[in-house]
Amino acid sequence: MEKPTEISSAKMFDGYNKRYKHYSPTLGCSMTFHIYFPPSSSPSHKFPVLYWLSGLTCTDENFIAKSGAQRVASSEGVALISPDTSPRGLNVEGESDSWDFGVGAGFYLNATQEKWKNWLMYDYIVKELPLLLSENFPQLDTSRASIFGHSMGGHGALTIYLKNLDKYKVANYNFHLSELENLRF
């Protein structure tokens, strides 16, 4: 698996917020994600990880830029992982025709239609990303992981957690079931 390339870094709350890019064999395209590394007094310290799944039309940057969660992550010694919400740049016909389907709307599920064969966000979040993190960031303890999200990401966090009780310690989600009736699946 290709090593991620750091594309930005900023000091925040005595830790570092870093953005990375890598090629995803699961999705067949380049993907970006953020990691907030809290401060550590020891280079051998391993941080538990908290995956944040963003909602419709978001990227890996929304939560990191707007939430201020780094302050709490810093004080609690937890690494925040914020991946992008879908594959991008694949030029699949119709991928950008609607705000609620395609680019920015991966729903953290695996697509079943051939046209959308690269939309395997469930496999990316549950399998590829944790392996990539454990192989490239020794300061992260991916065996101590929790998952949370908002809207589409809240739905993703809940369904991923329920299918993988052995992988995540806690799930927290925020989505409205009434929203689901208005979405086209």
Protein backbone atom coordinates (compact mmCIF):
# COMPACT_ATOMS: atom_id res chain seq x y z
CA MET A 1 0.00 0.00 0.00
CA GLU A 2 1.28 3.44 -0.96
CA LYS A 3 2.57 5.63 1.86
CA PRO A 4 0.45 8.77 2.39
CA THR A 5 1.97 12.14 1.48
CA GLU A 6 1.58 15.03 3.91
CA ILE A 7 0.03 17.98 2.07
CA SER A 8 -0.51 20.40 4.96
CA SER A 9 0.21 20.82 8.65
CA ALA A 10 -0.90 23.31 11.29
CA LYS A 11 -0.19 23.50 15.01
CA MET A 12 -3.42 23.43 17.05
CA PHE A 13 -3.96 23.16 20.78
CA ASP A 14 -0.35 22.00 21.29
CA GLY A 15 -0.79 19.18 18.77
CA TYR A 16 -0.72 19.04 15.00
CA ASN A 17 -3.48 18.88 12.43
CA LYS A 18 -2.11 17.22 9.30
CA ARG A 19 -3.72 16.51 5.94
CA TYR A 20 -2.60 13.57 3.81
CA LYS A 21 -3.18 12.27 0.31
CA HIS A 22 -2.77 8.69 -0.90
CA TYR A 23 -3.85 6.41 -3.70
CA SER A 24 -6.66 4.09 -2.59
CA PRO A 25 -6.65 0.70 -4.32
CA THR A 26 -10.14 0.10 -2.90
CA LEU A 27 -11.60 3.21 -4.52
CA GLY A 28 -9.30 3.46 -7.53
CA CYS A 29 -8.44 7.12 -6.97
CA SER A 30 -6.49 9.48 -4.74
CA MET A 31 -8.07 10.20 -1.37
CA THR A 32 -7.40 12.79 1.32
CA PHE A 33 -7.82 12.59 5.07
CA HIS A 34 -6.89 14.60 8.14
CA ILE A 35 -5.28 13.42 11.35
CA TYR A 36 -5.17 15.55 14.46
CA PHE A 37 -2.23 14.36 16.56
CA PRO A 38 -2.60 15.53 20.18
CA PRO A 39 0.51 16.57 22.11
CA SER A 40 2.57 13.79 23.65
CA SER A 41 5.33 13.77 26.23
CA SER A 42 6.72 10.50 24.84
CA PRO A 43 7.47 9.56 21.22
CA SER A 44 6.42 5.98 21.98
CA HIS A 45 2.95 6.96 23.24
CA LYS A 46 0.10 5.49 21.17
CA PHE A 47 -3.15 7.45 20.84
CA PRO A 48 -6.61 5.92 20.54
CA VAL A 49 -8.37 7.06 17.37
CA LEU A 50 -11.74 8.64 16.80
CA TYR A 51 -13.02 8.48 13.23
CA TRP A 52 -15.29 11.34 12.14
CA LEU A 53 -17.59 10.69 9.16
CA SER A 54 -18.89 13.88 7.57
CA GLY A 55 -22.27 14.44 5.97
CA LEU A 56 -23.55 15.03 2.45
CA THR A 57 -21.55 17.42 0.24
CA CYS A 58 -18.70 17.61 2.77
CA THR A 59 -15.02 16.80 2.35
CA ASP A 60 -12.35 15.76 4.82
CA GLU A 61 -11.89 19.45 5.68
CA ASN A 62 -15.31 20.55 6.99
CA PHE A 63 -15.18 19.00 10.45
CA ILE A 64 -11.51 19.82 10.96
CA ALA A 65 -11.95 23.48 10.00
CA LYS A 66 -15.27 24.18 11.72
CA SER A 67 -15.72 21.99 14.80
CA GLY A 68 -12.93 22.97 17.17
CA ALA A 69 -12.87 19.32 18.32
CA GLN A 70 -9.08 19.45 18.39
CA ARG A 71 -9.25 21.31 21.72
CA VAL A 72 -10.97 18.38 23.44
CA ALA A 73 -8.92 15.79 21.55
CA SER A 74 -5.79 17.56 22.77
CA SER A 75 -6.86 17.53 26.41
CA GLU A 76 -8.09 13.90 26.24
CA GLY A 77 -5.15 12.55 24.23
CA VAL A 78 -7.23 11.23 21.32
CA ALA A 79 -6.28 11.34 17.64
CA LEU A 80 -9.01 12.52 15.26
CA ILE A 81 -9.27 10.92 11.82
CA SER A 82 -11.40 12.70 9.22
CA PRO A 83 -11.57 11.00 5.79
CA ASP A 84 -13.22 12.36 2.66
CA THR A 85 -16.84 11.39 2.00
CA SER A 86 -16.53 9.77 -1.43
CA PRO A 87 -14.21 9.02 -4.34
CA ARG A 88 -13.43 12.08 -6.46
CA GLY A 89 -12.06 12.69 -9.93
CA LEU A 90 -13.21 9.43 -11.50
CA ASN A 91 -15.41 11.15 -14.11
CA VAL A 92 -18.24 8.65 -13.82
CA GLU A 93 -21.21 9.84 -15.87
CA GLY A 94 -23.70 11.47 -13.49
CA GLU A 95 -21.37 11.58 -10.48
CA SER A 96 -21.95 15.31 -9.95
CA ASP A 97 -25.51 15.64 -11.23
CA SER A 98 -27.10 15.67 -7.77
CA TRP A 99 -25.97 16.89 -4.38
CA ASP A 100 -27.25 13.74 -2.67
CA PHE A 101 -25.73 11.05 -4.86
CA GLY A 102 -22.21 10.57 -6.23
CA VAL A 103 -19.35 12.95 -5.45
CA GLY A 104 -19.57 14.05 -1.81
CA ALA A 105 -22.24 11.45 -1.13
CA GLY A 106 -20.60 8.07 -0.62
CA PHE A 107 -22.94 7.11 2.25
CA TYR A 108 -20.17 4.89 3.71
CA LEU A 109 -21.68 1.92 1.87
CA ASN A 110 -20.42 -0.32 -0.93
CA ALA A 111 -22.15 0.29 -4.25
CA THR A 112 -23.66 -2.74 -5.96
CA GLN A 113 -24.09 -1.42 -9.52
CA GLU A 114 -21.16 -1.75 -11.92
CA LYS A 115 -21.27 1.93 -12.89
CA TRP A 116 -20.50 2.87 -9.29
CA LYS A 117 -17.87 0.15 -8.72
CA ASN A 118 -15.45 2.64 -7.15
CA TRP A 119 -17.95 3.76 -4.51
CA LEU A 120 -16.77 1.27 -1.87
CA MET A 121 -16.70 3.63 1.09
CA TYR A 122 -17.62 0.94 3.62
CA ASP A 123 -14.53 -1.10 2.66
CA TYR A 124 -12.39 2.03 2.61
CA ILE A 125 -13.44 3.14 6.11
CA VAL A 126 -13.55 -0.29 7.77
CA LYS A 127 -10.63 -2.05 6.07
CA GLU A 128 -8.25 0.10 4.02
CA LEU A 129 -7.99 3.26 6.11
CA PRO A 130 -7.31 1.54 9.48
CA LEU A 131 -4.64 -0.64 7.82
CA LEU A 132 -3.07 2.40 6.15
CA LEU A 133 -3.01 4.23 9.48
CA SER A 134 -1.53 1.33 11.46
CA GLU A 135 1.18 0.73 8.84
CA ASN A 136 2.24 4.38 8.53
CA PHE A 137 1.56 6.09 11.85
CA PRO A 138 3.03 4.12 14.78
CA GLN A 139 1.71 6.71 17.25
CA LEU A 140 -1.89 5.66 16.43
CA ASP A 141 -3.49 2.68 18.16
CA THR A 142 -6.18 1.65 15.68
CA SER A 143 -7.20 -1.23 17.96
CA ARG A 144 -8.61 1.43 20.30
CA ALA A 145 -10.99 3.08 17.86
CA SER A 146 -14.37 4.75 18.06
CA ILE A 147 -16.49 6.19 15.27
CA PHE A 148 -18.91 9.09 15.03
CA GLY A 149 -20.49 11.32 12.45
CA HIS A 150 -23.22 13.74 11.43
CA SER A 151 -26.08 13.35 8.95
CA MET A 152 -24.93 10.92 6.24
CA GLY A 153 -21.83 10.36 8.38
CA GLY A 154 -23.96 9.66 11.44
CA HIS A 155 -25.84 7.01 9.52
CA GLY A 156 -22.51 5.62 8.32
CA ALA A 157 -21.05 5.60 11.85
CA LEU A 158 -24.07 3.77 13.24
CA THR A 159 -24.25 1.12 10.51
CA ILE A 160 -20.48 0.55 10.49
CA TYR A 161 -20.42 0.23 14.27
CA LEU A 162 -23.32 -2.24 14.34
CA LYS A 163 -21.62 -4.44 11.72
CA ASN A 164 -18.23 -4.25 13.47
CA LEU A 165 -18.75 -4.35 17.23
CA ASP A 166 -15.30 -5.92 17.60
CA LYS A 167 -13.53 -2.97 15.87
CA TYR A 168 -15.02 0.07 17.60
CA LYS A 169 -15.35 0.83 21.30
CA VAL A 170 -18.05 3.50 20.92
CA ALA A 171 -20.25 5.00 18.23
CA ASN A 172 -21.96 8.34 18.34
CA TYR A 173 -24.17 9.62 15.60
CA ASN A 174 -26.40 12.52 14.72
CA PHE A 175 -28.86 12.06 11.90
CA HIS A 176 -32.60 12.35 11.56
CA LEU A 177 -34.47 9.26 10.46
CA SER A 178 -37.04 11.55 8.87
CA GLU A 179 -34.32 12.73 6.47
CA LEU A 180 -34.00 9.24 5.02
CA GLU A 181 -37.48 9.23 3.50
CA ASN A 182 -36.52 12.24 1.37
CA LEU A 183 -33.33 10.70 -0.03
CA ARG A 184 -33.18 8.65 -3.20
CA PHE A 185 -31.30 5.39 -2.60
